[in-house]
Amino acid sequence: MTLYMIELTVRDIALSSSWYQSYLGFTIERDDMANGFILLRGIGGGRLAIKHGLPQMGGVKLHFEVSNLDSELSRLADLGVTPVSPLITSPEGYRRAIVSDPDGYLVVLFEWQQVNVY
């Protein structure tokens, strides 16, 4: 079994498609905007389906591993995207920042830190 995609319901499918392409590097794999559906593919191969409708936020967070969090945050800041919460370093060994997409879905960007194992 393979996880094929994650689906989000969005208010403005064109805006959301553009946001994920422009800011996070997704490309369009399948475009059926006439029926309110676009399937995007991320750089690492993961898929994100966006469907037109009424967004239902709450339990959905998209997590993206990045190789250099500071560099990614700088790139996004140049595009006008800023974190919605403070940058944290977790005891589990990662650093993370959270931004939000046009519908308010939380997008977590994280990088693993070097962890000393005893």
PDB file of N, CA and C in Angstrom:
ATOM      1  N   MET A   1       0.843  -1.166   0.000  1.00  0.00           N
ATOM      2  CA  MET A   1       0.000   0.000   0.000  1.00  0.00           C
ATOM      3  C   MET A   1       0.898   1.241   0.000  1.00  0.00           C
ATOM      4  N   THR A   2       0.494   2.232  -0.781  1.00  0.00           N
ATOM      5  CA  THR A   2       1.250   3.477  -0.898  1.00  0.00           C
ATOM      6  C   THR A   2       0.310   4.656  -0.710  1.00  0.00           C
ATOM      7  N   LEU A   3       0.733   5.615   0.103  1.00  0.00           N
ATOM      8  CA  LEU A   3      -0.033   6.845   0.226  1.00  0.00           C
ATOM      9  C   LEU A   3       0.069   7.579  -1.100  1.00  0.00           C
ATOM     10  N   TYR A   4      -1.058   7.821  -1.739  1.00  0.00           N
ATOM     11  CA  TYR A   4      -1.065   8.428  -3.073  1.00  0.00           C
ATOM     12  C   TYR A   4      -1.074   9.949  -3.007  1.00  0.00           C
ATOM     13  N   MET A   5      -1.910  10.536  -2.128  1.00  0.00           N
ATOM     14  CA  MET A   5      -2.012  11.991  -2.074  1.00  0.00           C
ATOM     15  C   MET A   5      -2.654  12.423  -0.774  1.00  0.00           C
ATOM     16  N   ILE A   6      -2.548  13.710  -0.515  1.00  0.00           N
ATOM     17  CA  ILE A   6      -3.279  14.384   0.550  1.00  0.00           C
ATOM     18  C   ILE A   6      -4.200  15.367  -0.149  1.00  0.00           C
ATOM     19  N   GLU A   7      -5.428  15.493   0.324  1.00  0.00           N
ATOM     20  CA  GLU A   7      -6.404  16.368  -0.329  1.00  0.00           C
ATOM     21  C   GLU A   7      -6.826  17.494   0.615  1.00  0.00           C
ATOM     22  N   LEU A   8      -6.863  18.700   0.059  1.00  0.00           N
ATOM     23  CA  LEU A   8      -7.361  19.868   0.773  1.00  0.00           C
ATOM     24  C   LEU A   8      -8.513  20.471  -0.006  1.00  0.00           C
ATOM     25  N   THR A   9      -9.530  20.923   0.703  1.00  0.00           N
ATOM     26  CA  THR A   9     -10.613  21.678   0.089  1.00  0.00           C
ATOM     27  C   THR A   9     -10.282  23.154   0.247  1.00  0.00           C
ATOM     28  N   VAL A  10     -10.355  23.903  -0.852  1.00  0.00           N
ATOM     29  CA  VAL A  10      -9.927  25.305  -0.857  1.00  0.00           C
ATOM     30  C   VAL A  10     -11.012  26.195  -1.462  1.00  0.00           C
ATOM     31  N   ARG A  11     -11.015  27.473  -1.049  1.00  0.00           N
ATOM     32  CA  ARG A  11     -11.992  28.444  -1.565  1.00  0.00           C
ATOM     33  C   ARG A  11     -11.698  28.816  -3.009  1.00  0.00           C
ATOM     34  N   ASP A  12     -10.441  29.092  -3.309  1.00  0.00           N
ATOM     35  CA  ASP A  12     -10.037  29.593  -4.628  1.00  0.00           C
ATOM     36  C   ASP A  12      -8.970  28.661  -5.184  1.00  0.00           C
ATOM     37  N   ILE A  13      -9.385  27.759  -6.042  1.00  0.00           N
ATOM     38  CA  ILE A  13      -8.480  26.719  -6.529  1.00  0.00           C
ATOM     39  C   ILE A  13      -7.302  27.308  -7.319  1.00  0.00           C
ATOM     40  N   ALA A  14      -7.544  28.356  -8.097  1.00  0.00           N
ATOM     41  CA  ALA A  14      -6.448  28.973  -8.859  1.00  0.00           C
ATOM     42  C   ALA A  14      -5.431  29.606  -7.916  1.00  0.00           C
ATOM     43  N   LEU A  15      -5.904  30.314  -6.896  1.00  0.00           N
ATOM     44  CA  LEU A  15      -5.005  30.943  -5.931  1.00  0.00           C
ATOM     45  C   LEU A  15      -4.187  29.897  -5.184  1.00  0.00           C
ATOM     46  N   SER A  16      -4.839  28.842  -4.709  1.00  0.00           N
ATOM     47  CA  SER A  16      -4.131  27.796  -3.969  1.00  0.00           C
ATOM     48  C   SER A  16      -3.137  27.061  -4.854  1.00  0.00           C
ATOM     49  N   SER A  17      -3.530  26.748  -6.079  1.00  0.00           N
ATOM     50  CA  SER A  17      -2.611  26.094  -7.009  1.00  0.00           C
ATOM     51  C   SER A  17      -1.379  26.952  -7.238  1.00  0.00           C
ATOM     52  N   SER A  18      -1.597  28.226  -7.456  1.00  0.00           N
ATOM     53  CA  SER A  18      -0.496  29.152  -7.670  1.00  0.00           C
ATOM     54  C   SER A  18       0.401  29.245  -6.434  1.00  0.00           C
ATOM     55  N   TRP A  19      -0.192  29.290  -5.244  1.00  0.00           N
ATOM     56  CA  TRP A  19       0.576  29.404  -4.002  1.00  0.00           C
ATOM     57  C   TRP A  19       1.500  28.205  -3.829  1.00  0.00           C
ATOM     58  N   TYR A  20       0.962  26.996  -3.983  1.00  0.00           N
ATOM     59  CA  TYR A  20       1.789  25.799  -3.797  1.00  0.00           C
ATOM     60  C   TYR A  20       2.858  25.672  -4.886  1.00  0.00           C
ATOM     61  N   GLN A  21       2.563  26.139  -6.076  1.00  0.00           N
ATOM     62  CA  GLN A  21       3.573  26.118  -7.138  1.00  0.00           C
ATOM     63  C   GLN A  21       4.645  27.185  -6.899  1.00  0.00           C
ATOM     64  N   SER A  22       4.223  28.409  -6.652  1.00  0.00           N
ATOM     65  CA  SER A  22       5.156  29.530  -6.522  1.00  0.00           C
ATOM     66  C   SER A  22       6.004  29.457  -5.263  1.00  0.00           C
ATOM     67  N   TYR A  23       5.398  29.088  -4.143  1.00  0.00           N
ATOM     68  CA  TYR A  23       6.104  29.145  -2.873  1.00  0.00           C
ATOM     69  C   TYR A  23       6.756  27.831  -2.468  1.00  0.00           C
ATOM     70  N   LEU A  24       6.160  26.696  -2.834  1.00  0.00           N
ATOM     71  CA  LEU A  24       6.698  25.413  -2.393  1.00  0.00           C
ATOM     72  C   LEU A  24       7.194  24.533  -3.530  1.00  0.00           C
ATOM     73  N   GLY A  25       7.148  25.008  -4.758  1.00  0.00           N
ATOM     74  CA  GLY A  25       7.760  24.292  -5.873  1.00  0.00           C
ATOM     75  C   GLY A  25       6.963  23.134  -6.446  1.00  0.00           C
ATOM     76  N   PHE A  26       5.673  23.054  -6.172  1.00  0.00           N
ATOM     77  CA  PHE A  26       4.854  21.990  -6.754  1.00  0.00           C
ATOM     78  C   PHE A  26       4.645  22.241  -8.246  1.00  0.00           C
ATOM     79  N   THR A  27       4.376  21.170  -8.980  1.00  0.00           N
ATOM     80  CA  THR A  27       4.017  21.270 -10.393  1.00  0.00           C
ATOM     81  C   THR A  27       2.664  20.592 -10.592  1.00  0.00           C
ATOM     82  N   ILE A  28       1.972  20.976 -11.646  1.00  0.00           N
ATOM     83  CA  ILE A  28       0.657  20.390 -11.924  1.00  0.00           C
ATOM     84  C   ILE A  28       0.836  19.028 -12.587  1.00  0.00           C
ATOM     85  N   GLU A  29       0.225  18.023 -11.992  1.00  0.00           N
ATOM     86  CA  GLU A  29       0.220  16.680 -12.564  1.00  0.00           C
ATOM     87  C   GLU A  29      -1.079  16.431 -13.328  1.00  0.00           C
ATOM     88  N   ARG A  30      -2.188  16.936 -12.808  1.00  0.00           N
ATOM     89  CA  ARG A  30      -3.494  16.780 -13.457  1.00  0.00           C
ATOM     90  C   ARG A  30      -4.308  18.037 -13.200  1.00  0.00           C
ATOM     91  N   ASP A  31      -4.815  18.624 -14.265  1.00  0.00           N
ATOM     92  CA  ASP A  31      -5.564  19.875 -14.148  1.00  0.00           C
ATOM     93  C   ASP A  31      -6.988  19.658 -14.647  1.00  0.00           C
ATOM     94  N   ASP A  32      -7.934  19.683 -13.736  1.00  0.00           N
ATOM     95  CA  ASP A  32      -9.348  19.609 -14.070  1.00  0.00           C
ATOM     96  C   ASP A  32     -10.051  20.761 -13.343  1.00  0.00           C
ATOM     97  N   MET A  33      -9.513  21.981 -13.563  1.00  0.00           N
ATOM     98  CA  MET A  33     -10.044  23.151 -12.873  1.00  0.00           C
ATOM     99  C   MET A  33     -11.521  23.354 -13.195  1.00  0.00           C
ATOM    100  N   ALA A  34     -11.954  22.949 -14.384  1.00  0.00           N
ATOM    101  CA  ALA A  34     -13.369  23.101 -14.751  1.00  0.00           C
ATOM    102  C   ALA A  34     -14.275  22.362 -13.769  1.00  0.00           C
ATOM    103  N   ASN A  35     -13.779  21.267 -13.213  1.00  0.00           N
ATOM    104  CA  ASN A  35     -14.545  20.495 -12.233  1.00  0.00           C
ATOM    105  C   ASN A  35     -14.037  20.704 -10.813  1.00  0.00           C
ATOM    106  N   GLY A  36     -13.181  21.715 -10.621  1.00  0.00           N
ATOM    107  CA  GLY A  36     -12.726  22.061  -9.283  1.00  0.00           C
ATOM    108  C   GLY A  36     -11.709  21.124  -8.692  1.00  0.00           C
ATOM    109  N   PHE A  37     -10.785  20.594  -9.512  1.00  0.00           N
ATOM    110  CA  PHE A  37      -9.785  19.648  -9.006  1.00  0.00           C
ATOM    111  C   PHE A  37      -8.456  19.879  -9.708  1.00  0.00           C
ATOM    112  N   ILE A  38      -7.389  19.962  -8.921  1.00  0.00           N
ATOM    113  CA  ILE A  38      -6.030  19.998  -9.460  1.00  0.00           C
ATOM    114  C   ILE A  38      -5.172  19.086  -8.603  1.00  0.00           C
ATOM    115  N   LEU A  39      -4.377  18.251  -9.251  1.00  0.00           N
ATOM    116  CA  LEU A  39      -3.444  17.369  -8.565  1.00  0.00           C
ATOM    117  C   LEU A  39      -2.045  17.929  -8.781  1.00  0.00           C
ATOM    118  N   LEU A  40      -1.372  18.224  -7.676  1.00  0.00           N
ATOM    119  CA  LEU A  40      -0.024  18.783  -7.727  1.00  0.00           C
ATOM    120  C   LEU A  40       0.982  17.739  -7.271  1.00  0.00           C
ATOM    121  N   ARG A  41       2.203  17.832  -7.801  1.00  0.00           N
ATOM    122  CA  ARG A  41       3.286  16.935  -7.383  1.00  0.00           C
ATOM    123  C   ARG A  41       4.417  17.774  -6.828  1.00  0.00           C
ATOM    124  N   GLY A  42       4.895  17.375  -5.651  1.00  0.00           N
ATOM    125  CA  GLY A  42       5.993  18.081  -5.000  1.00  0.00           C
ATOM    126  C   GLY A  42       7.337  17.629  -5.521  1.00  0.00           C
ATOM    127  N   ILE A  43       8.354  18.357  -5.163  1.00  0.00           N
ATOM    128  CA  ILE A  43       9.718  18.056  -5.602  1.00  0.00           C
ATOM    129  C   ILE A  43      10.131  16.653  -5.181  1.00  0.00           C
ATOM    130  N   GLY A  44       9.734  16.214  -3.994  1.00  0.00           N
ATOM    131  CA  GLY A  44      10.077  14.876  -3.518  1.00  0.00           C
ATOM    132  C   GLY A  44       9.154  13.790  -4.024  1.00  0.00           C
ATOM    133  N   GLY A  45       8.154  14.144  -4.838  1.00  0.00           N
ATOM    134  CA  GLY A  45       7.266  13.155  -5.412  1.00  0.00           C
ATOM    135  C   GLY A  45       5.909  13.045  -4.748  1.00  0.00           C
ATOM    136  N   GLY A  46       5.725  13.635  -3.567  1.00  0.00           N
ATOM    137  CA  GLY A  46       4.434  13.581  -2.897  1.00  0.00           C
ATOM    138  C   GLY A  46       3.383  14.379  -3.668  1.00  0.00           C
ATOM    139  N   ARG A  47       2.141  13.949  -3.568  1.00  0.00           N
ATOM    140  CA  ARG A  47       1.053  14.622  -4.282  1.00  0.00           C
ATOM    141  C   ARG A  47       0.128  15.341  -3.314  1.00  0.00           C
ATOM    142  N   LEU A  48      -0.375  16.479  -3.779  1.00  0.00           N
ATOM    143  CA  LEU A  48      -1.352  17.257  -3.046  1.00  0.00           C
ATOM    144  C   LEU A  48      -2.510  17.540  -3.986  1.00  0.00           C
ATOM    145  N   ALA A  49      -3.692  17.053  -3.622  1.00  0.00           N
ATOM    146  CA  ALA A  49      -4.897  17.327  -4.407  1.00  0.00           C
ATOM    147  C   ALA A  49      -5.605  18.502  -3.772  1.00  0.00           C
ATOM    148  N   ILE A  50      -5.997  19.467  -4.595  1.00  0.00           N
ATOM    149  CA  ILE A  50      -6.792  20.571  -4.087  1.00  0.00           C
ATOM    150  C   ILE A  50      -8.123  20.569  -4.830  1.00  0.00           C
ATOM    151  N   LYS A  51      -9.203  20.662  -4.032  1.00  0.00           N
ATOM    152  CA  LYS A  51     -10.563  20.639  -4.570  1.00  0.00           C
ATOM    153  C   LYS A  51     -11.270  21.905  -4.150  1.00  0.00           C
ATOM    154  N   HIS A  52     -12.063  22.427  -5.063  1.00  0.00           N
ATOM    155  CA  HIS A  52     -12.833  23.628  -4.755  1.00  0.00           C
ATOM    156  C   HIS A  52     -13.959  23.284  -3.798  1.00  0.00           C
ATOM    157  N   GLY A  53     -14.131  24.137  -2.799  1.00  0.00           N
ATOM    158  CA  GLY A  53     -15.199  23.929  -1.835  1.00  0.00           C
ATOM    159  C   GLY A  53     -14.999  24.825  -0.637  1.00  0.00           C
ATOM    160  N   LEU A  54     -15.566  24.442   0.472  1.00  0.00           N
ATOM    161  CA  LEU A  54     -15.465  25.195   1.715  1.00  0.00           C
ATOM    162  C   LEU A  54     -14.359  24.585   2.566  1.00  0.00           C
ATOM    163  N   PRO A  55     -13.250  25.320   2.816  1.00  0.00           N
ATOM    164  CA  PRO A  55     -12.141  24.772   3.608  1.00  0.00           C
ATOM    165  C   PRO A  55     -12.592  24.351   4.999  1.00  0.00           C
ATOM    166  N   GLN A  56     -12.018  23.267   5.490  1.00  0.00           N
ATOM    167  CA  GLN A  56     -12.318  22.782   6.830  1.00  0.00           C
ATOM    168  C   GLN A  56     -11.004  22.566   7.566  1.00  0.00           C
ATOM    169  N   MET A  57     -10.512  23.640   8.151  1.00  0.00           N
ATOM    170  CA  MET A  57      -9.250  23.563   8.861  1.00  0.00           C
ATOM    171  C   MET A  57      -9.445  22.950  10.230  1.00  0.00           C
ATOM    172  N   GLY A  58      -8.351  22.629  10.844  1.00  0.00           N
ATOM    173  CA  GLY A  58      -8.411  22.109  12.204  1.00  0.00           C
ATOM    174  C   GLY A  58      -7.383  21.030  12.413  1.00  0.00           C
ATOM    175  N   GLY A  59      -7.594  19.884  11.852  1.00  0.00           N
ATOM    176  CA  GLY A  59      -6.694  18.771  12.097  1.00  0.00           C
ATOM    177  C   GLY A  59      -5.654  18.561  11.020  1.00  0.00           C
ATOM    178  N   VAL A  60      -5.669  19.378   9.980  1.00  0.00           N
ATOM    179  CA  VAL A  60      -4.756  19.153   8.861  1.00  0.00           C
ATOM    180  C   VAL A  60      -3.528  20.042   8.989  1.00  0.00           C
ATOM    181  N   LYS A  61      -2.363  19.408   8.977  1.00  0.00           N
ATOM    182  CA  LYS A  61      -1.095  20.121   8.881  1.00  0.00           C
ATOM    183  C   LYS A  61      -0.274  19.385   7.843  1.00  0.00           C
ATOM    184  N   LEU A  62       0.286  20.131   6.915  1.00  0.00           N
ATOM    185  CA  LEU A  62       1.173  19.537   5.920  1.00  0.00           C
ATOM    186  C   LEU A  62       2.600  19.716   6.419  1.00  0.00           C
ATOM    187  N   HIS A  63       3.371  18.646   6.451  1.00  0.00           N
ATOM    188  CA  HIS A  63       4.750  18.692   6.943  1.00  0.00           C
ATOM    189  C   HIS A  63       5.703  18.460   5.773  1.00  0.00           C
ATOM    190  N   PHE A  64       6.637  19.406   5.605  1.00  0.00           N
ATOM    191  CA  PHE A  64       7.630  19.301   4.545  1.00  0.00           C
ATOM    192  C   PHE A  64       9.017  19.351   5.163  1.00  0.00           C
ATOM    193  N   GLU A  65       9.814  18.324   4.874  1.00  0.00           N
ATOM    194  CA  GLU A  65      11.204  18.318   5.312  1.00  0.00           C
ATOM    195  C   GLU A  65      12.014  19.165   4.341  1.00  0.00           C
ATOM    196  N   VAL A  66      12.843  20.045   4.872  1.00  0.00           N
ATOM    197  CA  VAL A  66      13.726  20.876   4.057  1.00  0.00           C
ATOM    198  C   VAL A  66      15.163  20.626   4.506  1.00  0.00           C
ATOM    199  N   SER A  67      16.100  20.859   3.601  1.00  0.00           N
ATOM    200  CA  SER A  67      17.496  20.598   3.947  1.00  0.00           C
ATOM    201  C   SER A  67      18.113  21.739   4.751  1.00  0.00           C
ATOM    202  N   ASN A  68      17.594  22.968   4.587  1.00  0.00           N
ATOM    203  CA  ASN A  68      18.132  24.118   5.316  1.00  0.00           C
ATOM    204  C   ASN A  68      16.963  25.044   5.653  1.00  0.00           C
ATOM    205  N   LEU A  69      16.484  24.960   6.876  1.00  0.00           N
ATOM    206  CA  LEU A  69      15.303  25.714   7.281  1.00  0.00           C
ATOM    207  C   LEU A  69      15.535  27.219   7.200  1.00  0.00           C
ATOM    208  N   ASP A  70      16.687  27.689   7.635  1.00  0.00           N
ATOM    209  CA  ASP A  70      16.960  29.126   7.592  1.00  0.00           C
ATOM    210  C   ASP A  70      16.934  29.651   6.168  1.00  0.00           C
ATOM    211  N   SER A  71      17.522  28.910   5.260  1.00  0.00           N
ATOM    212  CA  SER A  71      17.530  29.301   3.850  1.00  0.00           C
ATOM    213  C   SER A  71      16.116  29.310   3.277  1.00  0.00           C
ATOM    214  N   GLU A  72      15.326  28.309   3.613  1.00  0.00           N
ATOM    215  CA  GLU A  72      13.946  28.223   3.119  1.00  0.00           C
ATOM    216  C   GLU A  72      13.101  29.365   3.663  1.00  0.00           C
ATOM    217  N   LEU A  73      13.275  29.686   4.933  1.00  0.00           N
ATOM    218  CA  LEU A  73      12.527  30.790   5.524  1.00  0.00           C
ATOM    219  C   LEU A  73      12.930  32.123   4.905  1.00  0.00           C
ATOM    220  N   SER A  74      14.192  32.273   4.587  1.00  0.00           N
ATOM    221  CA  SER A  74      14.669  33.492   3.928  1.00  0.00           C
ATOM    222  C   SER A  74      14.064  33.612   2.533  1.00  0.00           C
ATOM    223  N   ARG A  75      14.040  32.494   1.795  1.00  0.00           N
ATOM    224  CA  ARG A  75      13.449  32.483   0.450  1.00  0.00           C
ATOM    225  C   ARG A  75      11.977  32.859   0.516  1.00  0.00           C
ATOM    226  N   LEU A  76      11.248  32.271   1.456  1.00  0.00           N
ATOM    227  CA  LEU A  76       9.824  32.569   1.598  1.00  0.00           C
ATOM    228  C   LEU A  76       9.590  34.017   2.045  1.00  0.00           C
ATOM    229  N   ALA A  77      10.435  34.516   2.930  1.00  0.00           N
ATOM    230  CA  ALA A  77      10.304  35.912   3.376  1.00  0.00           C
ATOM    231  C   ALA A  77      10.454  36.868   2.201  1.00  0.00           C
ATOM    232  N   ASP A  78      11.371  36.546   1.281  1.00  0.00           N
ATOM    233  CA  ASP A  78      11.537  37.371   0.077  1.00  0.00           C
ATOM    234  C   ASP A  78      10.270  37.386  -0.772  1.00  0.00           C
ATOM    235  N   LEU A  79       9.446  36.338  -0.640  1.00  0.00           N
ATOM    236  CA  LEU A  79       8.191  36.242  -1.375  1.00  0.00           C
ATOM    237  C   LEU A  79       7.008  36.766  -0.561  1.00  0.00           C
ATOM    238  N   GLY A  80       7.273  37.248   0.656  1.00  0.00           N
ATOM    239  CA  GLY A  80       6.218  37.804   1.495  1.00  0.00           C
ATOM    240  C   GLY A  80       5.536  36.807   2.409  1.00  0.00           C
ATOM    241  N   VAL A  81       6.086  35.597   2.551  1.00  0.00           N
ATOM    242  CA  VAL A  81       5.499  34.576   3.421  1.00  0.00           C
ATOM    243  C   VAL A  81       6.296  34.548   4.724  1.00  0.00           C
ATOM    244  N   THR A  82       5.613  34.751   5.848  1.00  0.00           N
ATOM    245  CA  THR A  82       6.287  34.746   7.137  1.00  0.00           C
ATOM    246  C   THR A  82       5.661  33.697   8.051  1.00  0.00           C
ATOM    247  N   PRO A  83       6.445  33.183   8.985  1.00  0.00           N
ATOM    248  CA  PRO A  83       5.908  32.186   9.927  1.00  0.00           C
ATOM    249  C   PRO A  83       4.754  32.752  10.751  1.00  0.00           C
ATOM    250  N   VAL A  84       3.834  31.866  11.122  1.00  0.00           N
ATOM    251  CA  VAL A  84       2.692  32.253  11.945  1.00  0.00           C
ATOM    252  C   VAL A  84       2.942  31.970  13.421  1.00  0.00           C
ATOM    253  N   SER A  85       4.081  31.360  13.730  1.00  0.00           N
ATOM    254  CA  SER A  85       4.454  31.076  15.114  1.00  0.00           C
ATOM    255  C   SER A  85       5.978  31.105  15.199  1.00  0.00           C
ATOM    256  N   PRO A  86       6.517  31.182  16.405  1.00  0.00           N
ATOM    257  CA  PRO A  86       7.970  31.216  16.548  1.00  0.00           C
ATOM    258  C   PRO A  86       8.634  29.921  16.081  1.00  0.00           C
ATOM    259  N   LEU A  87       9.835  30.050  15.582  1.00  0.00           N
ATOM    260  CA  LEU A  87      10.665  28.904  15.225  1.00  0.00           C
ATOM    261  C   LEU A  87      10.964  28.130  16.503  1.00  0.00           C
ATOM    262  N   ILE A  88      10.842  26.808  16.447  1.00  0.00           N
ATOM    263  CA  ILE A  88      11.150  26.013  17.643  1.00  0.00           C
ATOM    264  C   ILE A  88      12.163  24.930  17.310  1.00  0.00           C
ATOM    265  N   THR A  89      12.885  24.519  18.352  1.00  0.00           N
ATOM    266  CA  THR A  89      13.757  23.349  18.281  1.00  0.00           C
ATOM    267  C   THR A  89      13.164  22.343  19.247  1.00  0.00           C
ATOM    268  N   SER A  90      12.872  21.152  18.758  1.00  0.00           N
ATOM    269  CA  SER A  90      12.199  20.158  19.590  1.00  0.00           C
ATOM    270  C   SER A  90      13.210  19.231  20.256  1.00  0.00           C
ATOM    271  N   PRO A  91      12.825  18.614  21.352  1.00  0.00           N
ATOM    272  CA  PRO A  91      13.696  17.630  21.992  1.00  0.00           C
ATOM    273  C   PRO A  91      13.860  16.370  21.135  1.00  0.00           C
ATOM    274  N   GLU A  92      12.964  16.190  20.155  1.00  0.00           N
ATOM    275  CA  GLU A  92      13.067  15.020  19.276  1.00  0.00           C
ATOM    276  C   GLU A  92      14.143  15.181  18.210  1.00  0.00           C
ATOM    277  N   GLY A  93      14.727  16.370  18.104  1.00  0.00           N
ATOM    278  CA  GLY A  93      15.856  16.541  17.193  1.00  0.00           C
ATOM    279  C   GLY A  93      15.555  17.258  15.893  1.00  0.00           C
ATOM    280  N   TYR A  94      14.529  18.077  15.852  1.00  0.00           N
ATOM    281  CA  TYR A  94      14.267  18.843  14.634  1.00  0.00           C
ATOM    282  C   TYR A  94      13.972  20.297  14.977  1.00  0.00           C
ATOM    283  N   ARG A  95      14.133  21.165  13.988  1.00  0.00           N
ATOM    284  CA  ARG A  95      13.723  22.565  14.075  1.00  0.00           C
ATOM    285  C   ARG A  95      12.565  22.740  13.124  1.00  0.00           C
ATOM    286  N   ARG A  96      11.596  23.589  13.510  1.00  0.00           N
ATOM    287  CA  ARG A  96      10.456  23.770  12.625  1.00  0.00           C
ATOM    288  C   ARG A  96       9.912  25.182  12.685  1.00  0.00           C
ATOM    289  N   ALA A  97       9.296  25.553  11.578  1.00  0.00           N
ATOM    290  CA  ALA A  97       8.570  26.803  11.462  1.00  0.00           C
ATOM    291  C   ALA A  97       7.245  26.480  10.795  1.00  0.00           C
ATOM    292  N   ILE A  98       6.229  27.301  11.053  1.00  0.00           N
ATOM    293  CA  ILE A  98       4.913  27.070  10.469  1.00  0.00           C
ATOM    294  C   ILE A  98       4.488  28.317   9.702  1.00  0.00           C
ATOM    295  N   VAL A  99       4.042  28.109   8.476  1.00  0.00           N
ATOM    296  CA  VAL A  99       3.446  29.167   7.667  1.00  0.00           C
ATOM    297  C   VAL A  99       2.021  28.711   7.356  1.00  0.00           C
ATOM    298  N   SER A 100       1.224  29.594   6.759  1.00  0.00           N
ATOM    299  CA  SER A 100      -0.118  29.163   6.379  1.00  0.00           C
ATOM    300  C   SER A 100      -0.357  29.480   4.910  1.00  0.00           C
ATOM    301  N   ASP A 101      -1.198  28.642   4.297  1.00  0.00           N
ATOM    302  CA  ASP A 101      -1.534  28.845   2.888  1.00  0.00           C
ATOM    303  C   ASP A 101      -2.692  29.835   2.785  1.00  0.00           C
ATOM    304  N   PRO A 102      -3.171  30.144   1.576  1.00  0.00           N
ATOM    305  CA  PRO A 102      -4.235  31.148   1.438  1.00  0.00           C
ATOM    306  C   PRO A 102      -5.533  30.826   2.191  1.00  0.00           C
ATOM    307  N   ASP A 103      -5.792  29.547   2.485  1.00  0.00           N
ATOM    308  CA  ASP A 103      -7.008  29.169   3.203  1.00  0.00           C
ATOM    309  C   ASP A 103      -6.776  29.001   4.696  1.00  0.00           C
ATOM    310  N   GLY A 104      -5.546  29.228   5.161  1.00  0.00           N
ATOM    311  CA  GLY A 104      -5.249  29.102   6.578  1.00  0.00           C
ATOM    312  C   GLY A 104      -4.772  27.725   7.003  1.00  0.00           C
ATOM    313  N   TYR A 105      -4.593  26.796   6.052  1.00  0.00           N
ATOM    314  CA  TYR A 105      -4.034  25.494   6.406  1.00  0.00           C
ATOM    315  C   TYR A 105      -2.602  25.693   6.871  1.00  0.00           C
ATOM    316  N   LEU A 106      -2.211  24.969   7.912  1.00  0.00           N
ATOM    317  CA  LEU A 106      -0.865  25.099   8.445  1.00  0.00           C
ATOM    318  C   LEU A 106       0.105  24.243   7.642  1.00  0.00           C
ATOM    319  N   VAL A 107       1.212  24.865   7.261  1.00  0.00           N
ATOM    320  CA  VAL A 107       2.270  24.214   6.491  1.00  0.00           C
ATOM    321  C   VAL A 107       3.519  24.248   7.364  1.00  0.00           C
ATOM    322  N   VAL A 108       3.942  23.067   7.824  1.00  0.00           N
ATOM    323  CA  VAL A 108       5.092  22.942   8.704  1.00  0.00           C
ATOM    324  C   VAL A 108       6.324  22.663   7.855  1.00  0.00           C
ATOM    325  N   LEU A 109       7.351  23.458   8.053  1.00  0.00           N
ATOM    326  CA  LEU A 109       8.640  23.251   7.399  1.00  0.00           C
ATOM    327  C   LEU A 109       9.617  22.846   8.497  1.00  0.00           C
ATOM    328  N   PHE A 110      10.309  21.721   8.303  1.00  0.00           N
ATOM    329  CA  PHE A 110      11.218  21.276   9.362  1.00  0.00           C
ATOM    330  C   PHE A 110      12.499  20.714   8.781  1.00  0.00           C
ATOM    331  N   GLU A 111      13.536  20.732   9.630  1.00  0.00           N
ATOM    332  CA  GLU A 111      14.810  20.097   9.292  1.00  0.00           C
ATOM    333  C   GLU A 111      15.269  19.310  10.509  1.00  0.00           C
ATOM    334  N   TRP A 112      15.846  18.143  10.241  1.00  0.00           N
ATOM    335  CA  TRP A 112      16.415  17.338  11.316  1.00  0.00           C
ATOM    336  C   TRP A 112      17.733  17.951  11.732  1.00  0.00           C
ATOM    337  N   GLN A 113      18.017  17.914  13.016  1.00  0.00           N
ATOM    338  CA  GLN A 113      19.282  18.397  13.556  1.00  0.00           C
ATOM    339  C   GLN A 113      20.181  17.202  13.843  1.00  0.00           C
ATOM    340  N   GLN A 114      21.466  17.460  13.874  1.00  0.00           N
ATOM    341  CA  GLN A 114      22.420  16.414  14.259  1.00  0.00           C
ATOM    342  C   GLN A 114      22.141  16.052  15.713  1.00  0.00           C
ATOM    343  N   VAL A 115      21.905  14.801  15.963  1.00  0.00           N
ATOM    344  CA  VAL A 115      21.587  14.364  17.326  1.00  0.00           C
ATOM    345  C   VAL A 115      22.694  13.436  17.792  1.00  0.00           C
ATOM    346  N   ASN A 116      23.176  13.695  18.989  1.00  0.00           N
ATOM    347  CA  ASN A 116      24.177  12.795  19.559  1.00  0.00           C
ATOM    348  C   ASN A 116      23.477  11.614  20.189  1.00  0.00           C
ATOM    349  N   VAL A 117      23.848  10.432  19.772  1.00  0.00           N
ATOM    350  CA  VAL A 117      23.266   9.210  20.314  1.00  0.00           C
ATOM    351  C   VAL A 117      24.298   8.582  21.244  1.00  0.00           C
ATOM    352  N   TYR A 118      23.907   8.308  22.484  1.00  0.00           N
ATOM    353  CA  TYR A 118      24.855   7.747  23.458  1.00  0.00           C
ATOM    354  C   TYR A 118      24.604   6.286  23.645  1.00  0.00           C
TER     355      TYR A 118
END
